[in-house]
Every structure is written in C-alpha cells, then in structure tokens.
C-alpha atoms as a PDB file:
ATOM      1  CA  MET A   1     -14.464  19.317  16.623  1.00  0.00           C
ATOM      2  CA  ILE A   2     -12.433  16.109  16.979  1.00  0.00           C
ATOM      3  CA  PRO A   3      -8.617  16.747  16.179  1.00  0.00           C
ATOM      4  CA  ALA A   4      -7.516  15.148  12.862  1.00  0.00           C
ATOM      5  CA  PRO A   5      -4.795  12.691  14.815  1.00  0.00           C
ATOM      6  CA  LEU A   6      -8.277  11.267  17.014  1.00  0.00           C
ATOM      7  CA  LEU A   7     -10.223  10.808  13.606  1.00  0.00           C
ATOM      8  CA  ALA A   8      -7.015   8.902  12.127  1.00  0.00           C
ATOM      9  CA  MET A   9      -7.397   6.925  15.240  1.00  0.00           C
ATOM     10  CA  GLY A  10     -11.220   6.071  14.702  1.00  0.00           C
ATOM     11  CA  ALA A  11     -10.554   5.276  11.083  1.00  0.00           C
ATOM     12  CA  PHE A  12      -7.741   2.725  12.196  1.00  0.00           C
ATOM     13  CA  PHE A  13      -9.474   1.352  15.209  1.00  0.00           C
ATOM     14  CA  LEU A  14     -12.494   0.478  12.741  1.00  0.00           C
ATOM     15  CA  ASP A  15      -9.553  -0.809  10.077  1.00  0.00           C
ATOM     16  CA  THR A  16      -8.828  -3.586  13.218  1.00  0.00           C
ATOM     17  CA  VAL A  17     -12.098  -4.349  14.387  1.00  0.00           C
ATOM     18  CA  LEU A  18     -14.208  -4.626  11.025  1.00  0.00           C
ATOM     19  CA  GLY A  19     -11.689  -4.740   8.552  1.00  0.00           C
ATOM     20  CA  ASP A  20     -12.428  -4.142   5.067  1.00  0.00           C
ATOM     21  CA  PRO A  21     -15.930  -4.770   3.892  1.00  0.00           C
ATOM     22  CA  GLN A  22     -15.435  -7.418   0.755  1.00  0.00           C
ATOM     23  CA  THR A  23     -18.418  -5.961  -1.091  1.00  0.00           C
ATOM     24  CA  ARG A  24     -18.874  -4.402  -5.181  1.00  0.00           C
ATOM     25  CA  TRP A  25     -20.001  -1.433  -3.322  1.00  0.00           C
ATOM     26  CA  HIS A  26     -16.815  -0.472  -1.310  1.00  0.00           C
ATOM     27  CA  PRO A  27     -16.146   2.820  -2.643  1.00  0.00           C
ATOM     28  CA  VAL A  28     -12.355   1.674  -3.860  1.00  0.00           C
ATOM     29  CA  ALA A  29     -14.448  -1.133  -5.998  1.00  0.00           C
ATOM     30  CA  VAL A  30     -16.582   1.570  -7.562  1.00  0.00           C
ATOM     31  CA  LEU A  31     -14.051   3.695  -8.142  1.00  0.00           C
ATOM     32  CA  GLY A  32     -12.301   0.714 -10.014  1.00  0.00           C
ATOM     33  CA  ARG A  33     -15.148  -0.126 -12.214  1.00  0.00           C
ATOM     34  CA  PHE A  34     -15.421   3.753 -13.179  1.00  0.00           C
ATOM     35  CA  ILE A  35     -11.493   3.294 -14.171  1.00  0.00           C
ATOM     36  CA  SER A  36     -11.981   0.325 -16.240  1.00  0.00           C
ATOM     37  CA  LEU A  37     -15.281   2.369 -17.903  1.00  0.00           C
ATOM     38  CA  LEU A  38     -12.960   5.062 -18.905  1.00  0.00           C
ATOM     39  CA  GLU A  39     -10.298   3.309 -20.138  1.00  0.00           C
ATOM     40  CA  ARG A  40     -12.203   1.165 -22.593  1.00  0.00           C
ATOM     41  CA  LEU A  41     -13.815   5.267 -23.879  1.00  0.00           C
ATOM     42  CA  LEU A  42     -10.319   6.340 -23.836  1.00  0.00           C
ATOM     43  CA  TYR A  43      -8.065   3.945 -24.553  1.00  0.00           C
ATOM     44  CA  PRO A  44      -6.631   4.430 -28.647  1.00  0.00           C
ATOM     45  CA  THR A  45      -6.822   1.341 -30.441  1.00  0.00           C
ATOM     46  CA  GLY A  46      -4.571   1.586 -33.112  1.00  0.00           C
ATOM     47  CA  GLY A  47      -3.255   5.543 -31.728  1.00  0.00           C
ATOM     48  CA  SER A  48      -0.093   6.290 -31.974  1.00  0.00           C
ATOM     49  CA  ASN A  49       1.954   5.874 -28.416  1.00  0.00           C
ATOM     50  CA  GLN A  50       2.110   9.489 -28.103  1.00  0.00           C
ATOM     51  CA  ARG A  51      -1.555   9.517 -27.959  1.00  0.00           C
ATOM     52  CA  LYS A  52      -1.940   6.710 -25.813  1.00  0.00           C
ATOM     53  CA  PHE A  53      -0.192   9.043 -23.434  1.00  0.00           C
ATOM     54  CA  VAL A  54      -2.290  11.443 -23.676  1.00  0.00           C
ATOM     55  CA  MET A  55      -5.181   9.807 -23.351  1.00  0.00           C
ATOM     56  CA  GLY A  56      -4.117   8.043 -20.139  1.00  0.00           C
ATOM     57  CA  SER A  57      -2.898  11.300 -18.708  1.00  0.00           C
ATOM     58  CA  LEU A  58      -6.206  12.521 -19.215  1.00  0.00           C
ATOM     59  CA  LEU A  59      -8.098   9.974 -17.537  1.00  0.00           C
ATOM     60  CA  VAL A  60      -5.579  10.624 -14.664  1.00  0.00           C
ATOM     61  CA  LEU A  61      -6.293  13.672 -14.306  1.00  0.00           C
ATOM     62  CA  PHE A  62     -10.360  13.621 -14.704  1.00  0.00           C
ATOM     63  CA  ILE A  63      -9.393  10.627 -11.734  1.00  0.00           C
ATOM     64  CA  LEU A  64      -7.914  12.585  -9.372  1.00  0.00           C
ATOM     65  CA  CYS A  65     -10.150  15.604 -10.076  1.00  0.00           C
ATOM     66  CA  ILE A  66     -13.455  13.499  -9.300  1.00  0.00           C
ATOM     67  CA  ALA A  67     -12.365  11.582  -6.295  1.00  0.00           C
ATOM     68  CA  TYR A  68     -11.405  14.899  -4.753  1.00  0.00           C
ATOM     69  CA  ALA A  69     -14.151  16.825  -5.994  1.00  0.00           C
ATOM     70  CA  PHE A  70     -16.344  13.819  -4.465  1.00  0.00           C
ATOM     71  CA  ALA A  71     -14.806  13.948  -0.813  1.00  0.00           C
ATOM     72  CA  GLU A  72     -15.187  17.368  -0.584  1.00  0.00           C
ATOM     73  CA  GLY A  73     -18.278  17.687  -1.889  1.00  0.00           C
ATOM     74  CA  LEU A  74     -19.763  15.223   0.696  1.00  0.00           C
ATOM     75  CA  LEU A  75     -18.349  16.812   3.613  1.00  0.00           C
ATOM     76  CA  LEU A  76     -19.227  20.079   2.555  1.00  0.00           C
ATOM     77  CA  ALA A  77     -22.859  18.958   2.422  1.00  0.00           C
ATOM     78  CA  VAL A  78     -22.793  17.034   5.731  1.00  0.00           C
ATOM     79  CA  ARG A  79     -21.400  20.366   7.507  1.00  0.00           C
ATOM     80  CA  GLN A  80     -24.837  21.728   6.358  1.00  0.00           C
ATOM     81  CA  LEU A  81     -26.943  19.407   8.139  1.00  0.00           C
ATOM     82  CA  PRO A  82     -27.771  20.321  11.934  1.00  0.00           C
ATOM     83  CA  VAL A  83     -25.241  17.750  13.339  1.00  0.00           C
ATOM     84  CA  ALA A  84     -22.471  18.948  14.882  1.00  0.00           C
ATOM     85  CA  TRP A  85     -20.168  15.634  14.634  1.00  0.00           C
ATOM     86  CA  GLY A  86     -21.467  14.690  11.087  1.00  0.00           C
ATOM     87  CA  SER A  87     -18.381  15.613   9.088  1.00  0.00           C
ATOM     88  CA  ASP A  88     -15.579  14.282  11.775  1.00  0.00           C
ATOM     89  CA  ALA A  89     -17.996  11.015  11.368  1.00  0.00           C
ATOM     90  CA  VAL A  90     -17.770  11.102   7.459  1.00  0.00           C
ATOM     91  CA  SER A  91     -13.845  11.943   7.460  1.00  0.00           C
ATOM     92  CA  VAL A  92     -13.639   8.833  10.085  1.00  0.00           C
ATOM     93  CA  LEU A  93     -15.408   6.817   7.122  1.00  0.00           C
ATOM     94  CA  LEU A  94     -13.624   8.100   4.257  1.00  0.00           C
ATOM     95  CA  LEU A  95      -9.915   7.420   5.611  1.00  0.00           C
ATOM     96  CA  TYR A  96     -11.116   3.752   6.622  1.00  0.00           C
ATOM     97  CA  PHE A  97     -11.850   3.213   3.042  1.00  0.00           C
ATOM     98  CA  CYS A  98      -8.518   3.999   2.553  1.00  0.00           C
ATOM     99  CA  ILE A  99      -6.275   2.085   4.424  1.00  0.00           C
ATOM    100  CA  SER A 100      -6.331  -1.375   4.291  1.00  0.00           C
ATOM    101  CA  PRO A 101      -3.843  -2.767   7.241  1.00  0.00           C
ATOM    102  CA  ARG A 102      -6.350  -5.479   8.423  1.00  0.00           C
ATOM    103  CA  MET A 103      -7.010  -6.844   5.475  1.00  0.00           C
ATOM    104  CA  LEU A 104      -3.398  -7.178   4.261  1.00  0.00           C
ATOM    105  CA  ALA A 105      -2.372  -8.800   7.948  1.00  0.00           C
ATOM    106  CA  LYS A 106      -4.994 -11.875   6.875  1.00  0.00           C
ATOM    107  CA  ALA A 107      -3.328 -12.470   3.651  1.00  0.00           C
ATOM    108  CA  GLY A 108      -0.080 -12.799   5.032  1.00  0.00           C
ATOM    109  CA  GLN A 109      -1.652 -14.875   8.229  1.00  0.00           C
ATOM    110  CA  ASP A 110      -3.593 -16.829   5.290  1.00  0.00           C
ATOM    111  CA  ILE A 111      -0.731 -18.134   3.411  1.00  0.00           C
ATOM    112  CA  TYR A 112       1.424 -18.818   7.064  1.00  0.00           C
ATOM    113  CA  MET A 113      -1.498 -20.713   8.236  1.00  0.00           C
ATOM    114  CA  LEU A 114      -1.442 -22.840   5.070  1.00  0.00           C
ATOM    115  CA  LEU A 115       2.448 -23.042   4.860  1.00  0.00           C
ATOM    116  CA  VAL A 116       2.437 -24.283   8.575  1.00  0.00           C
ATOM    117  CA  LYS A 117      -0.315 -26.609   7.704  1.00  0.00           C
ATOM    118  CA  GLY A 118       1.799 -27.971   4.915  1.00  0.00           C
ATOM    119  CA  ASP A 119      -0.721 -27.381   2.051  1.00  0.00           C
ATOM    120  CA  LEU A 120       1.884 -25.643  -0.605  1.00  0.00           C
ATOM    121  CA  PRO A 121      -0.598 -25.851  -3.485  1.00  0.00           C
ATOM    122  CA  ALA A 122      -3.189 -23.851  -1.588  1.00  0.00           C
ATOM    123  CA  ALA A 123      -0.274 -21.350  -0.161  1.00  0.00           C
ATOM    124  CA  ARG A 124       0.629 -20.865  -4.021  1.00  0.00           C
ATOM    125  CA  GLU A 125      -3.265 -20.315  -4.574  1.00  0.00           C
ATOM    126  CA  HIS A 126      -3.348 -17.390  -1.629  1.00  0.00           C
ATOM    127  CA  VAL A 127      -0.109 -16.092  -3.328  1.00  0.00           C
ATOM    128  CA  GLY A 128      -1.732 -15.570  -6.559  1.00  0.00           C
ATOM    129  CA  TYR A 129      -4.517 -13.295  -5.146  1.00  0.00           C
ATOM    130  CA  ILE A 130      -2.028 -10.928  -3.558  1.00  0.00           C
ATOM    131  CA  VAL A 131       1.276 -10.764  -6.270  1.00  0.00           C
ATOM    132  CA  GLY A 132       1.316 -10.915 -10.413  1.00  0.00           C
ATOM    133  CA  ARG A 133       4.139 -13.021 -10.286  1.00  0.00           C
ATOM    134  CA  ASP A 134       3.762 -16.949 -11.395  1.00  0.00           C
ATOM    135  CA  THR A 135       3.181 -18.968  -8.487  1.00  0.00           C
ATOM    136  CA  ALA A 136       2.699 -22.342  -9.732  1.00  0.00           C
ATOM    137  CA  GLN A 137       6.155 -23.316  -9.251  1.00  0.00           C
ATOM    138  CA  LEU A 138       7.001 -21.623  -5.437  1.00  0.00           C
ATOM    139  CA  ASP A 139       8.498 -23.224  -2.714  1.00  0.00           C
ATOM    140  CA  GLU A 140       7.702 -22.527   0.789  1.00  0.00           C
ATOM    141  CA  ALA A 141      10.085 -20.339   1.058  1.00  0.00           C
ATOM    142  CA  ASP A 142       9.254 -18.228  -2.496  1.00  0.00           C
ATOM    143  CA  ALA A 143       5.859 -18.262  -1.127  1.00  0.00           C
ATOM    144  CA  ALA A 144       6.723 -16.857   2.248  1.00  0.00           C
ATOM    145  CA  ARG A 145       8.722 -14.199   0.967  1.00  0.00           C
ATOM    146  CA  ALA A 146       5.926 -12.798  -1.337  1.00  0.00           C
ATOM    147  CA  ALA A 147       4.144 -12.808   1.190  1.00  0.00           C
ATOM    148  CA  ILE A 148       6.597 -10.854   3.473  1.00  0.00           C
ATOM    149  CA  GLU A 149       7.410  -8.269   0.526  1.00  0.00           C
ATOM    150  CA  THR A 150       3.731  -7.641  -0.356  1.00  0.00           C
ATOM    151  CA  VAL A 151       2.813  -6.584   3.754  1.00  0.00           C
ATOM    152  CA  ALA A 152       6.115  -4.566   3.915  1.00  0.00           C
ATOM    153  CA  GLU A 153       5.370  -2.796   0.300  1.00  0.00           C
ATOM    154  CA  ASN A 154       1.830  -2.054   0.862  1.00  0.00           C
ATOM    155  CA  THR A 155       2.431  -0.937   4.302  1.00  0.00           C
ATOM    156  CA  VAL A 156       3.239   2.254   2.271  1.00  0.00           C
ATOM    157  CA  ASP A 157       0.424   2.641   0.154  1.00  0.00           C
ATOM    158  CA  GLY A 158      -2.299   0.869   2.250  1.00  0.00           C
ATOM    159  CA  VAL A 159      -1.190   2.136   5.539  1.00  0.00           C
ATOM    160  CA  ILE A 160       1.203   5.172   5.704  1.00  0.00           C
ATOM    161  CA  ALA A 161       0.398   6.700   2.573  1.00  0.00           C
ATOM    162  CA  PRO A 162      -3.111   7.622   3.712  1.00  0.00           C
ATOM    163  CA  PHE A 163      -2.438   8.546   6.913  1.00  0.00           C
ATOM    164  CA  PHE A 164       0.061  10.921   5.681  1.00  0.00           C
ATOM    165  CA  PHE A 165      -2.188  12.928   2.717  1.00  0.00           C
ATOM    166  CA  PHE A 166      -5.038  12.890   5.600  1.00  0.00           C
ATOM    167  CA  ALA A 167      -2.432  14.768   7.671  1.00  0.00           C
ATOM    168  CA  LEU A 168      -1.932  17.090   4.895  1.00  0.00           C
ATOM    169  CA  GLY A 169      -5.273  17.971   3.535  1.00  0.00           C
ATOM    170  CA  GLY A 170      -7.948  15.573   5.352  1.00  0.00           C
ATOM    171  CA  ALA A 171      -9.829  12.697   3.885  1.00  0.00           C
ATOM    172  CA  PRO A 172     -10.380  14.497   0.037  1.00  0.00           C
ATOM    173  CA  LEU A 173      -6.260  14.345  -0.149  1.00  0.00           C
ATOM    174  CA  ALA A 174      -6.377  10.638   1.404  1.00  0.00           C
ATOM    175  CA  VAL A 175      -9.231   9.769  -1.054  1.00  0.00           C
ATOM    176  CA  LEU A 176      -7.131  11.689  -3.981  1.00  0.00           C
ATOM    177  CA  TYR A 177      -3.890   9.294  -2.733  1.00  0.00           C
ATOM    178  CA  ARG A 178      -6.025   6.229  -3.055  1.00  0.00           C
ATOM    179  CA  ALA A 179      -7.428   6.969  -6.156  1.00  0.00           C
ATOM    180  CA  ALA A 180      -4.018   7.115  -7.410  1.00  0.00           C
ATOM    181  CA  ASN A 181      -2.950   4.256  -5.845  1.00  0.00           C
ATOM    182  CA  THR A 182      -5.935   2.356  -7.624  1.00  0.00           C
ATOM    183  CA  MET A 183      -4.805   3.718 -11.215  1.00  0.00           C
ATOM    184  CA  ASP A 184      -1.533   2.137 -10.370  1.00  0.00           C
ATOM    185  CA  SER A 185      -2.351  -0.755  -9.625  1.00  0.00           C
ATOM    186  CA  MET A 186      -4.605  -1.328 -12.320  1.00  0.00           C
ATOM    187  CA  LEU A 187      -3.047   0.622 -15.750  1.00  0.00           C
ATOM    188  CA  GLY A 188       0.474   1.273 -13.970  1.00  0.00           C
ATOM    189  CA  TYR A 189       2.157  -2.103 -16.111  1.00  0.00           C
ATOM    190  CA  ARG A 190       4.819  -2.222 -18.361  1.00  0.00           C
ATOM    191  CA  ASN A 191       3.501  -4.176 -20.947  1.00  0.00           C
ATOM    192  CA  GLU A 192       2.143  -3.227 -24.470  1.00  0.00           C
ATOM    193  CA  ARG A 193      -1.170  -2.438 -23.418  1.00  0.00           C
ATOM    194  CA  TYR A 194      -0.328  -0.020 -20.691  1.00  0.00           C
ATOM    195  CA  LEU A 195       3.643   1.162 -21.309  1.00  0.00           C
ATOM    196  CA  TYR A 196       2.595   4.448 -22.336  1.00  0.00           C
ATOM    197  CA  PHE A 197      -1.107   4.759 -21.389  1.00  0.00           C
ATOM    198  CA  GLY A 198      -0.251   3.911 -18.149  1.00  0.00           C
ATOM    199  CA  ARG A 199       2.886   5.582 -17.765  1.00  0.00           C
ATOM    200  CA  MET A 200       1.000   8.824 -15.845  1.00  0.00           C
ATOM    201  CA  ALA A 201      -0.629   6.730 -13.492  1.00  0.00           C
ATOM    202  CA  ALA A 202       2.553   4.902 -12.508  1.00  0.00           C
ATOM    203  CA  ARG A 203       4.529   8.206 -12.473  1.00  0.00           C
ATOM    204  CA  VAL A 204       1.623   9.888 -10.283  1.00  0.00           C
ATOM    205  CA  ASP A 205       1.707   6.889  -7.696  1.00  0.00           C
ATOM    206  CA  ASP A 206       5.575   7.013  -7.734  1.00  0.00           C
ATOM    207  CA  VAL A 207       5.622  10.885  -6.586  1.00  0.00           C
ATOM    208  CA  LEU A 208       2.830  10.782  -4.300  1.00  0.00           C
ATOM    209  CA  ASN A 209       4.579   8.077  -2.345  1.00  0.00           C
ATOM    210  CA  TYR A 210       8.015   9.394  -2.534  1.00  0.00           C
ATOM    211  CA  ILE A 211       8.242  10.657   1.111  1.00  0.00           C
ATOM    212  CA  PRO A 212       5.541   7.995   2.742  1.00  0.00           C
ATOM    213  CA  ALA A 213       7.923   5.686   1.837  1.00  0.00           C
ATOM    214  CA  ARG A 214      10.939   7.283   2.983  1.00  0.00           C
ATOM    215  CA  ILE A 215       8.745   7.258   6.752  1.00  0.00           C
ATOM    216  CA  SER A 216       7.741   4.126   6.090  1.00  0.00           C
ATOM    217  CA  GLY A 217      11.733   3.255   6.285  1.00  0.00           C
ATOM    218  CA  VAL A 218      12.453   5.177   9.630  1.00  0.00           C
ATOM    219  CA  LEU A 219       9.609   4.086  11.127  1.00  0.00           C
ATOM    220  CA  PHE A 220      10.282   0.159  10.526  1.00  0.00           C
ATOM    221  CA  VAL A 221      13.775   0.664  12.081  1.00  0.00           C
ATOM    222  CA  MET A 222      11.932   2.303  15.236  1.00  0.00           C
ATOM    223  CA  ALA A 223       9.493  -0.795  14.900  1.00  0.00           C
ATOM    224  CA  ALA A 224      12.258  -3.135  14.630  1.00  0.00           C
ATOM    225  CA  PHE A 225      13.788  -1.983  18.212  1.00  0.00           C
ATOM    226  CA  LEU A 226      10.453  -1.898  19.552  1.00  0.00           C
ATOM    227  CA  LEU A 227       9.576  -5.238  18.786  1.00  0.00           C
ATOM    228  CA  GLY A 228      13.355  -6.990  19.734  1.00  0.00           C
ATOM    229  CA  TYR A 229      14.102  -7.648  16.344  1.00  0.00           C
ATOM    230  CA  ASP A 230      17.639  -6.137  14.962  1.00  0.00           C
ATOM    231  CA  GLY A 231      17.093  -2.518  14.519  1.00  0.00           C
ATOM    232  CA  ARG A 232      20.700  -1.824  13.881  1.00  0.00           C
ATOM    233  CA  ASN A 233      20.698  -4.549  11.088  1.00  0.00           C
ATOM    234  CA  ALA A 234      17.239  -2.776   9.988  1.00  0.00           C
ATOM    235  CA  LEU A 235      18.907   0.605   9.510  1.00  0.00           C
ATOM    236  CA  ASN A 236      22.114  -1.073   7.853  1.00  0.00           C
ATOM    237  CA  ILE A 237      20.046  -2.412   5.593  1.00  0.00           C
ATOM    238  CA  LEU A 238      17.504   0.431   4.703  1.00  0.00           C
ATOM    239  CA  VAL A 239      21.126   2.613   4.256  1.00  0.00           C
ATOM    240  CA  ARG A 240      22.309   0.237   2.021  1.00  0.00           C
ATOM    241  CA  ASP A 241      19.975  -1.931  -0.160  1.00  0.00           C
ATOM    242  CA  ALA A 242      16.651   0.511  -0.187  1.00  0.00           C
ATOM    243  CA  ALA A 243      17.917   2.483  -3.839  1.00  0.00           C
ATOM    244  CA  GLY A 244      18.732  -0.775  -5.461  1.00  0.00           C
ATOM    245  CA  HIS A 245      14.874  -2.094  -5.484  1.00  0.00           C
ATOM    246  CA  PRO A 246      13.190  -1.554  -9.205  1.00  0.00           C
ATOM    247  CA  SER A 247      10.512   0.638  -7.441  1.00  0.00           C
ATOM    248  CA  PRO A 248      11.762   3.909  -5.974  1.00  0.00           C
ATOM    249  CA  ASN A 249       9.362   3.607  -3.028  1.00  0.00           C
ATOM    250  CA  GLY A 250       9.322  -0.318  -2.689  1.00  0.00           C
ATOM    251  CA  GLY A 251      12.930  -0.624  -1.248  1.00  0.00           C
ATOM    252  CA  HIS A 252      12.074   1.838   1.631  1.00  0.00           C
ATOM    253  CA  ALA A 253       9.755  -0.788   3.360  1.00  0.00           C
ATOM    254  CA  GLU A 254      11.016  -4.317   2.229  1.00  0.00           C
ATOM    255  CA  ALA A 255      14.805  -3.289   3.046  1.00  0.00           C
ATOM    256  CA  PRO A 256      14.257  -2.499   6.723  1.00  0.00           C
ATOM    257  CA  VAL A 257      12.126  -5.608   7.059  1.00  0.00           C
ATOM    258  CA  ALA A 258      14.562  -7.700   5.661  1.00  0.00           C
ATOM    259  CA  GLY A 259      17.115  -6.052   7.613  1.00  0.00           C
ATOM    260  CA  ALA A 260      15.063  -6.520  11.177  1.00  0.00           C
ATOM    261  CA  LEU A 261      14.145 -10.372  10.065  1.00  0.00           C
ATOM    262  CA  HIS A 262      17.642 -11.208   8.981  1.00  0.00           C
ATOM    263  CA  ILE A 263      16.287 -12.862   6.120  1.00  0.00           C
ATOM    264  CA  ARG A 264      16.998 -11.627   2.254  1.00  0.00           C
ATOM    265  CA  LEU A 265      13.943 -10.300  -0.126  1.00  0.00           C
ATOM    266  CA  GLY A 266      13.961  -9.762  -3.659  1.00  0.00           C
ATOM    267  CA  GLY A 267      15.635 -12.524  -6.172  1.00  0.00           C
ATOM    268  CA  ILE A 268      14.348 -14.309  -9.313  1.00  0.00           C
ATOM    269  CA  ASN A 269      10.394 -14.329 -10.234  1.00  0.00           C
ATOM    270  CA  TYR A 270       8.619 -15.340 -13.021  1.00  0.00           C
ATOM    271  CA  TYR A 271       6.088 -13.273 -14.890  1.00  0.00           C
ATOM    272  CA  PHE A 272       4.434 -15.245 -17.392  1.00  0.00           C
ATOM    273  CA  GLY A 273       6.887 -17.480 -17.604  1.00  0.00           C
ATOM    274  CA  GLU A 274       9.634 -15.278 -17.898  1.00  0.00           C
ATOM    275  CA  ARG A 275      12.645 -15.166 -15.693  1.00  0.00           C
ATOM    276  CA  HIS A 276      13.180 -11.604 -13.790  1.00  0.00           C
ATOM    277  CA  PHE A 277      15.557 -10.740 -11.026  1.00  0.00           C
ATOM    278  CA  ARG A 278      14.885  -8.223  -8.576  1.00  0.00           C
ATOM    279  CA  ALA A 279      17.679  -6.684  -6.587  1.00  0.00           C
ATOM    280  CA  TYR A 280      18.072  -8.481  -2.916  1.00  0.00           C
ATOM    281  CA  MET A 281      17.245  -6.688  -0.289  1.00  0.00           C
ATOM    282  CA  GLY A 282      19.134  -7.714   2.813  1.00  0.00           C
ATOM    283  CA  ASP A 283      21.314 -10.870   3.545  1.00  0.00           C
ATOM    284  CA  ALA A 284      20.512 -14.767   4.040  1.00  0.00           C
ATOM    285  CA  HIS A 285      21.737 -14.854   7.602  1.00  0.00           C
ATOM    286  CA  MET A 286      17.990 -16.950   7.744  1.00  0.00           C
ATOM    287  CA  ASP A 287      15.880 -19.194   5.691  1.00  0.00           C
ATOM    288  CA  ILE A 288      12.346 -17.565   4.798  1.00  0.00           C
ATOM    289  CA  SER A 289       9.963 -19.598   6.291  1.00  0.00           C
ATOM    290  CA  ALA A 290       6.333 -18.805   7.339  1.00  0.00           C
ATOM    291  CA  LYS A 291       7.226 -17.600  10.978  1.00  0.00           C
ATOM    292  CA  HIS A 292       8.699 -14.213   8.996  1.00  0.00           C
ATOM    293  CA  ILE A 293       5.529 -13.490   7.684  1.00  0.00           C
ATOM    294  CA  LEU A 294       4.383 -12.894  11.223  1.00  0.00           C
ATOM    295  CA  GLY A 295       6.838 -10.830  11.805  1.00  0.00           C
ATOM    296  CA  ALA A 296       5.959  -8.586   8.800  1.00  0.00           C
ATOM    297  CA  ILE A 297       2.338  -8.319  10.301  1.00  0.00           C
ATOM    298  CA  ARG A 298       4.091  -7.377  13.806  1.00  0.00           C
ATOM    299  CA  LEU A 299       6.103  -4.537  12.121  1.00  0.00           C
ATOM    300  CA  MET A 300       3.663  -3.430   9.747  1.00  0.00           C
ATOM    301  CA  TYR A 301       0.979  -2.931  12.649  1.00  0.00           C
ATOM    302  CA  THR A 302       3.739  -1.169  14.958  1.00  0.00           C
ATOM    303  CA  VAL A 303       4.602   1.481  11.876  1.00  0.00           C
ATOM    304  CA  ALA A 304       0.834   1.956  11.753  1.00  0.00           C
ATOM    305  CA  VAL A 305       0.586   2.569  15.630  1.00  0.00           C
ATOM    306  CA  LEU A 306       4.408   4.776  15.579  1.00  0.00           C
ATOM    307  CA  PHE A 307       2.885   6.962  12.599  1.00  0.00           C
ATOM    308  CA  LEU A 308      -0.304   7.291  14.546  1.00  0.00           C
ATOM    309  CA  LEU A 309       1.387   8.851  17.629  1.00  0.00           C
ATOM    310  CA  PHE A 310       3.690  11.064  16.027  1.00  0.00           C
ATOM    311  CA  TYR A 311       0.953  12.520  14.443  1.00  0.00           C
ATOM    312  CA  TYR A 312      -0.872  13.184  17.365  1.00  0.00           C
ATOM    313  CA  LEU A 313       2.265  14.254  19.362  1.00  0.00           C
ATOM    314  CA  PHE A 314       2.939  16.949  16.510  1.00  0.00           C
ATOM    315  CA  SER A 315      -0.604  18.347  16.972  1.00  0.00           C
ATOM    316  CA  LEU A 316       0.024  18.949  20.496  1.00  0.00           C
ATOM    317  CA  TYR A 317       3.149  20.595  19.667  1.00  0.00           C
ATOM    318  CA  ARG A 318       1.567  22.941  16.798  1.00  0.00           C
ATOM    319  CA  TYR A 319      -1.248  23.931  18.649  1.00  0.00           C
ATOM    320  CA  ASN A 320       0.340  24.748  22.120  1.00  0.00           C
END
C-alpha cells in the first residue's frame, strides 16, 4: 500500500500535467447538477424563513452523507478486486478531482496575458468567469486585484483544504469537503433566496475551512521567504489584517499575499450595481498591475508544495 502523502503528490502531479477536465461528467459538475435538483425539490417557495433554513440544512446533510458514502463505497468495492493497487489508484483520482491548482493558475494567467496585451474588455470578461462582482467598469488595477484575490483565497478551498482532509480521513473526507465547498459556492449567498436556505451550507464551509485557512496563512509567509518576496511583511500583514476580512477565513490567504507583494487588496466592489466596501488587506506600497497576478500564482504553487512536503515529513516522523 502506497503511503498517503505519496498519493496526494500523485494527485497534485496529475493536476499539474492534465489540469481539471472540462466536461459535464466531471464529478464536481455532476454533483452541482444533483445539488440543483435537490434545491428545486426542497426549496419551500413561500415558506417561512425557519422552514427555508430547515430544508436547506436537510439538503446539506443529505449531500454530505451521499458524497462520503459514495467515495467510501467505491473504495470498498475496489478493495474486493484482485488488484493490489486498485484502492490507491482510486484515491489518487478522487483527490485529483477535488483539487484545482492548475485551473486556478490558468484563470489568473489568462487575465494576466490579456492585461499585458492591453485588451481590457476581454480581461473584464475573464474576471467575470471567476468572481461575482460587476466587471464592466473595472480598470487594469481592479481586474488584476480580482484575479489576485481569487488565486489567494481559492488556494485554501481549491488546494490546501482538500489535501488537509485527505490527510485526516483519506479520499472520502476530501470528497465530503469538496461537496461542502460546492454547496457553499451554489447556495451560500446573502440574498433573498439563499439568506436562510443557504445559511447552513455557508456555515459548514466556514467551519471546514477554519484550520486549512490558517495553515495556508503560515505557508504563504514561508513561501514568500522562499521565493524572495517580503516574508516579514507577509507575516505582519497576516497578523494585522486577516481578521478584518468579511469571511472568517479569506483574510488568512489574502493578507499574506498582499504583504508579500507590497500591494493592497480589498476596497470597493460593485455587485448588481450596488457599491460595497471590503476591508483593505495590506498597504499600497506599489500600484497593483498584471505582474502581481504571476506573483500570486507562484505563491499558490509554492504553498501547495510546502504542504505536501510537510505532510510527507510528518508521516515519516509518525511511523518511525
């Protein structure tokens, strides 16, 4: 049986080489359609807020149980086959489907290339693929900021958290986490429809990301030192600004990235034409530009490698 850290490295290698398959049969895409189906069945049109919360909570519980049972059942079935490495291969594939560093990097790189070419309208369009804010009036700095914030914050839920839960409970727990995160991305909005129905999805995601986000913050600081960015400032900004983020976890990724690159994230965003201010992360020692997107991507990949390295070293210590 292959050690779990090597399986995680195998999943990371697959993602680096192949990326995330863009197909409607991707497990996460299938899960998303299943969540939408259950939402249509369970959403209490015209019901009370309490009923919306209860039905949304039932949806979350059902999806989490199904996701975990599917992964565990698949592994149990494969273990019955006369193939010694079958369960290891399935574990690698399941974790591979749960992580998305290459897709995250590509999204940032696409925006970087468009900004470098001066094609701001196309860059705005690509920003709209990865964020929910209005993009029609973004200037170059705002487009780059959106890309950097996305890369930083999604390092937690697209890379470190799946690795963390894989380390805790193998592929089934990583799949459960991915299901929770998918529900949050679909239901965890503070609008009239989802404020109560999606509240449990948002809370579960916050709880599951609590430890991975803080691990990510520390790893971002270490990555900044290793890559020659300002690691000391990354640590200072992490300590100073992380708690100011509207998300209980997002600041632990965005703040050290802002500090490492000497830029300021956060500020004014527009959603459906309404102005919203998000707490600043970092100091504006430099104007944000396209090149900082590449810095965020380098930090993201370095954080992933550091986590896998520490995971491997911890396993050696644990079993020796």
